Amino acid sequence: MIVRTSRGAVAARVPCTLSSVPITRCEAMGWLRSAVGVALVTAPRVPMRLANQEPTAADTLLMRTIGIRDLVLGLGTVAAVRAGDHGDIRRWIAAGLASDSLDAATSLASRRSIGTRDSVSAALLALAFACGDVWAYRDRPQSTKQD
């Protein structure tokens, strides 16, 4: 369903396939980030193997910690949306954006140690999530009071 926000921008309500309740972009990003988090916690070696690399114990630990971070950021975002707390929604989405932006910058800065291909691949993945964060941030509810 397409609706207009209070600023006149066109916004899409993404229908939830598990129920008839529509969800906002913010909630959709929260659920996506949560799903990625669960995947990385439960199957941390899969991303490395997809890149044709055999993961070390340190790689596995790193993937799990990234998964925990994404799970917490995602569930925090979903909880804020469900509670209707506009200030918290803004803060959780901003935290995800900061995390993803720093991941992209760190990936590019690591080019010499991990190689150009892996550096650019990791940066592009983080950048995709940063773009999703911006997309969600633009759709966040506008507070009528000071946050």
C-alpha atoms as a PDB file:
ATOM      1  CA  MET A   1       0.000   0.000   0.000  1.00  0.00           C
ATOM      2  CA  ILE A   2       1.346   3.425  -0.945  1.00  0.00           C
ATOM      3  CA  VAL A   3       0.691   6.316   1.468  1.00  0.00           C
ATOM      4  CA  ARG A   4       1.901   9.888   1.869  1.00  0.00           C
ATOM      5  CA  THR A   5       3.950  10.848   4.935  1.00  0.00           C
ATOM      6  CA  SER A   6       3.380  14.050   6.883  1.00  0.00           C
ATOM      7  CA  ARG A   7       6.066  15.704   4.724  1.00  0.00           C
ATOM      8  CA  GLY A   8       4.253  14.733   1.516  1.00  0.00           C
ATOM      9  CA  ALA A   9       6.714  12.020   0.498  1.00  0.00           C
ATOM     10  CA  VAL A  10       5.448   8.757  -0.884  1.00  0.00           C
ATOM     11  CA  ALA A  11       5.935   5.860   1.538  1.00  0.00           C
ATOM     12  CA  ALA A  12       5.305   2.180   1.074  1.00  0.00           C
ATOM     13  CA  ARG A  13       3.797  -0.007   3.728  1.00  0.00           C
ATOM     14  CA  VAL A  14       5.295  -3.445   3.315  1.00  0.00           C
ATOM     15  CA  PRO A  15       2.617  -6.080   3.924  1.00  0.00           C
ATOM     16  CA  CYS A  16       3.639  -8.787   6.369  1.00  0.00           C
ATOM     17  CA  THR A  17       3.237 -12.245   4.897  1.00  0.00           C
ATOM     18  CA  LEU A  18       2.620 -13.869   8.282  1.00  0.00           C
ATOM     19  CA  SER A  19      -0.375 -11.712   9.167  1.00  0.00           C
ATOM     20  CA  SER A  20      -2.583  -9.061   7.706  1.00  0.00           C
ATOM     21  CA  VAL A  21      -0.928  -6.295   9.742  1.00  0.00           C
ATOM     22  CA  PRO A  22       1.162  -3.973   7.570  1.00  0.00           C
ATOM     23  CA  ILE A  23       4.638  -3.107   8.807  1.00  0.00           C
ATOM     24  CA  THR A  24       6.659   0.061   8.299  1.00  0.00           C
ATOM     25  CA  ARG A  25      10.058   0.314   6.664  1.00  0.00           C
ATOM     26  CA  CYS A  26      11.592   0.706  10.114  1.00  0.00           C
ATOM     27  CA  GLU A  27      10.052  -2.523  11.322  1.00  0.00           C
ATOM     28  CA  ALA A  28      10.985  -4.298   8.070  1.00  0.00           C
ATOM     29  CA  MET A  29      14.639  -3.276   8.517  1.00  0.00           C
ATOM     30  CA  GLY A  30      14.481  -4.411  12.142  1.00  0.00           C
ATOM     31  CA  TRP A  31      13.201  -7.842  11.155  1.00  0.00           C
ATOM     32  CA  LEU A  32      15.739  -8.137   8.309  1.00  0.00           C
ATOM     33  CA  ARG A  33      18.615  -7.227  10.614  1.00  0.00           C
ATOM     34  CA  SER A  34      17.306  -9.676  13.234  1.00  0.00           C
ATOM     35  CA  ALA A  35      17.136 -12.474  10.661  1.00  0.00           C
ATOM     36  CA  VAL A  36      20.714 -11.797   9.555  1.00  0.00           C
ATOM     37  CA  GLY A  37      21.742 -11.813  13.211  1.00  0.00           C
ATOM     38  CA  VAL A  38      20.107 -15.176  13.872  1.00  0.00           C
ATOM     39  CA  ALA A  39      21.700 -16.617  10.721  1.00  0.00           C
ATOM     40  CA  LEU A  40      25.182 -15.442  11.741  1.00  0.00           C
ATOM     41  CA  VAL A  41      24.802 -16.700  15.306  1.00  0.00           C
ATOM     42  CA  THR A  42      23.516 -20.127  14.279  1.00  0.00           C
ATOM     43  CA  ALA A  43      25.606 -20.686  11.126  1.00  0.00           C
ATOM     44  CA  PRO A  44      28.655 -18.401  11.390  1.00  0.00           C
ATOM     45  CA  ARG A  45      30.833 -20.398   8.978  1.00  0.00           C
ATOM     46  CA  VAL A  46      28.456 -20.222   6.006  1.00  0.00           C
ATOM     47  CA  PRO A  47      29.397 -16.697   4.815  1.00  0.00           C
ATOM     48  CA  MET A  48      33.099 -17.576   4.773  1.00  0.00           C
ATOM     49  CA  ARG A  49      32.491 -20.824   2.918  1.00  0.00           C
ATOM     50  CA  LEU A  50      30.347 -19.000   0.350  1.00  0.00           C
ATOM     51  CA  ALA A  51      33.413 -16.841  -0.280  1.00  0.00           C
ATOM     52  CA  ASN A  52      35.492 -20.037  -0.834  1.00  0.00           C
ATOM     53  CA  GLN A  53      37.415 -19.561   2.407  1.00  0.00           C
ATOM     54  CA  GLU A  54      37.800 -22.038   5.234  1.00  0.00           C
ATOM     55  CA  PRO A  55      36.885 -20.151   8.426  1.00  0.00           C
ATOM     56  CA  THR A  56      39.188 -20.211  11.429  1.00  0.00           C
ATOM     57  CA  ALA A  57      37.983 -20.257  15.022  1.00  0.00           C
ATOM     58  CA  ALA A  58      38.575 -16.479  15.144  1.00  0.00           C
ATOM     59  CA  ASP A  59      36.468 -15.999  11.977  1.00  0.00           C
ATOM     60  CA  THR A  60      33.660 -18.024  13.521  1.00  0.00           C
ATOM     61  CA  LEU A  61      33.767 -15.953  16.707  1.00  0.00           C
ATOM     62  CA  LEU A  62      33.749 -12.715  14.694  1.00  0.00           C
ATOM     63  CA  MET A  63      30.716 -13.804  12.654  1.00  0.00           C
ATOM     64  CA  ARG A  64      28.859 -14.751  15.847  1.00  0.00           C
ATOM     65  CA  THR A  65      29.607 -11.400  17.503  1.00  0.00           C
ATOM     66  CA  ILE A  66      28.431  -9.563  14.373  1.00  0.00           C
ATOM     67  CA  GLY A  67      25.298 -11.711  14.493  1.00  0.00           C
ATOM     68  CA  ILE A  68      24.670 -10.827  18.133  1.00  0.00           C
ATOM     69  CA  ARG A  69      25.102  -7.130  17.348  1.00  0.00           C
ATOM     70  CA  ASP A  70      22.674  -7.301  14.413  1.00  0.00           C
ATOM     71  CA  LEU A  71      20.151  -9.312  16.425  1.00  0.00           C
ATOM     72  CA  VAL A  72      20.193  -6.730  19.237  1.00  0.00           C
ATOM     73  CA  LEU A  73      19.942  -3.767  16.825  1.00  0.00           C
ATOM     74  CA  GLY A  74      17.135  -5.452  14.902  1.00  0.00           C
ATOM     75  CA  LEU A  75      15.054  -6.474  17.902  1.00  0.00           C
ATOM     76  CA  GLY A  76      15.585  -3.056  19.496  1.00  0.00           C
ATOM     77  CA  THR A  77      14.243  -1.423  16.348  1.00  0.00           C
ATOM     78  CA  VAL A  78      11.225  -3.743  16.193  1.00  0.00           C
ATOM     79  CA  ALA A  79      10.466  -3.205  19.890  1.00  0.00           C
ATOM     80  CA  ALA A  80      10.637   0.588  19.478  1.00  0.00           C
ATOM     81  CA  VAL A  81       8.311   0.471  16.467  1.00  0.00           C
ATOM     82  CA  ARG A  82       5.830  -1.772  18.256  1.00  0.00           C
ATOM     83  CA  ALA A  83       5.923   0.495  21.332  1.00  0.00           C
ATOM     84  CA  GLY A  84       5.327   3.546  19.138  1.00  0.00           C
ATOM     85  CA  ASP A  85       8.224   5.411  20.765  1.00  0.00           C
ATOM     86  CA  HIS A  86       9.301   7.808  18.011  1.00  0.00           C
ATOM     87  CA  GLY A  87      12.487   8.866  19.791  1.00  0.00           C
ATOM     88  CA  ASP A  88      13.573   5.269  20.320  1.00  0.00           C
ATOM     89  CA  ILE A  89      12.779   4.376  16.707  1.00  0.00           C
ATOM     90  CA  ARG A  90      15.018   7.227  15.562  1.00  0.00           C
ATOM     91  CA  ARG A  91      17.816   6.192  17.925  1.00  0.00           C
ATOM     92  CA  TRP A  92      17.720   2.468  16.993  1.00  0.00           C
ATOM     93  CA  ILE A  93      17.708   3.199  13.251  1.00  0.00           C
ATOM     94  CA  ALA A  94      20.530   5.727  13.732  1.00  0.00           C
ATOM     95  CA  ALA A  95      22.542   3.141  15.694  1.00  0.00           C
ATOM     96  CA  GLY A  96      22.143   0.636  12.850  1.00  0.00           C
ATOM     97  CA  LEU A  97      23.175   3.285  10.317  1.00  0.00           C
ATOM     98  CA  ALA A  98      26.255   4.185  12.352  1.00  0.00           C
ATOM     99  CA  SER A  99      27.190   0.523  12.712  1.00  0.00           C
ATOM    100  CA  ASP A 100      26.805  -0.204   8.997  1.00  0.00           C
ATOM    101  CA  SER A 101      28.619   2.972   7.934  1.00  0.00           C
ATOM    102  CA  LEU A 102      31.544   2.185  10.215  1.00  0.00           C
ATOM    103  CA  ASP A 103      31.590  -1.411   8.917  1.00  0.00           C
ATOM    104  CA  ALA A 104      31.851  -0.099   5.337  1.00  0.00           C
ATOM    105  CA  ALA A 105      34.630   2.347   6.216  1.00  0.00           C
ATOM    106  CA  THR A 106      36.561  -0.267   8.198  1.00  0.00           C
ATOM    107  CA  SER A 107      36.221  -2.786   5.372  1.00  0.00           C
ATOM    108  CA  LEU A 108      37.728  -0.346   2.884  1.00  0.00           C
ATOM    109  CA  ALA A 109      40.477   0.633   5.325  1.00  0.00           C
ATOM    110  CA  SER A 110      41.396  -3.070   5.649  1.00  0.00           C
ATOM    111  CA  ARG A 111      42.122  -3.472   1.936  1.00  0.00           C
ATOM    112  CA  ARG A 112      45.853  -4.077   2.412  1.00  0.00           C
ATOM    113  CA  SER A 113      45.404  -6.784   5.017  1.00  0.00           C
ATOM    114  CA  ILE A 114      42.459  -8.692   3.529  1.00  0.00           C
ATOM    115  CA  GLY A 115      42.789  -7.908  -0.172  1.00  0.00           C
ATOM    116  CA  THR A 116      40.870  -5.624  -2.483  1.00  0.00           C
ATOM    117  CA  ARG A 117      38.186  -8.137  -3.490  1.00  0.00           C
ATOM    118  CA  ASP A 118      37.229  -9.062   0.083  1.00  0.00           C
ATOM    119  CA  SER A 119      37.495  -5.457   1.244  1.00  0.00           C
ATOM    120  CA  VAL A 120      35.197  -4.137  -1.473  1.00  0.00           C
ATOM    121  CA  SER A 121      32.754  -7.055  -1.072  1.00  0.00           C
ATOM    122  CA  ALA A 122      32.432  -6.467   2.669  1.00  0.00           C
ATOM    123  CA  ALA A 123      32.079  -2.709   2.168  1.00  0.00           C
ATOM    124  CA  LEU A 124      29.340  -3.155  -0.444  1.00  0.00           C
ATOM    125  CA  LEU A 125      27.385  -5.478   1.838  1.00  0.00           C
ATOM    126  CA  ALA A 126      27.620  -2.990   4.716  1.00  0.00           C
ATOM    127  CA  LEU A 127      26.712  -0.150   2.352  1.00  0.00           C
ATOM    128  CA  ALA A 128      23.589  -2.031   1.227  1.00  0.00           C
ATOM    129  CA  PHE A 129      22.444  -2.203   4.838  1.00  0.00           C
ATOM    130  CA  ALA A 130      23.350   1.467   5.374  1.00  0.00           C
ATOM    131  CA  CYS A 131      21.119   2.335   2.405  1.00  0.00           C
ATOM    132  CA  GLY A 132      18.328   0.279   3.989  1.00  0.00           C
ATOM    133  CA  ASP A 133      18.838   2.182   7.229  1.00  0.00           C
ATOM    134  CA  VAL A 134      18.518   5.520   5.403  1.00  0.00           C
ATOM    135  CA  TRP A 135      15.408   4.208   3.599  1.00  0.00           C
ATOM    136  CA  ALA A 136      13.883   3.252   6.948  1.00  0.00           C
ATOM    137  CA  TYR A 137      15.010   6.470   8.680  1.00  0.00           C
ATOM    138  CA  ARG A 138      13.232   8.566   6.066  1.00  0.00           C
ATOM    139  CA  ASP A 139       9.993   6.671   6.802  1.00  0.00           C
ATOM    140  CA  ARG A 140      10.220   6.918  10.589  1.00  0.00           C
ATOM    141  CA  PRO A 141       7.229   8.450  12.374  1.00  0.00           C
ATOM    142  CA  GLN A 142       7.514  12.134  13.095  1.00  0.00           C
ATOM    143  CA  SER A 143       7.167  12.995  16.753  1.00  0.00           C
ATOM    144  CA  THR A 144       4.826  15.777  17.803  1.00  0.00           C
ATOM    145  CA  LYS A 145       6.807  16.381  20.968  1.00  0.00           C
ATOM    146  CA  GLN A 146      10.506  16.858  21.721  1.00  0.00           C
ATOM    147  CA  ASP A 147      12.347  13.472  21.539  1.00  0.00           C
END
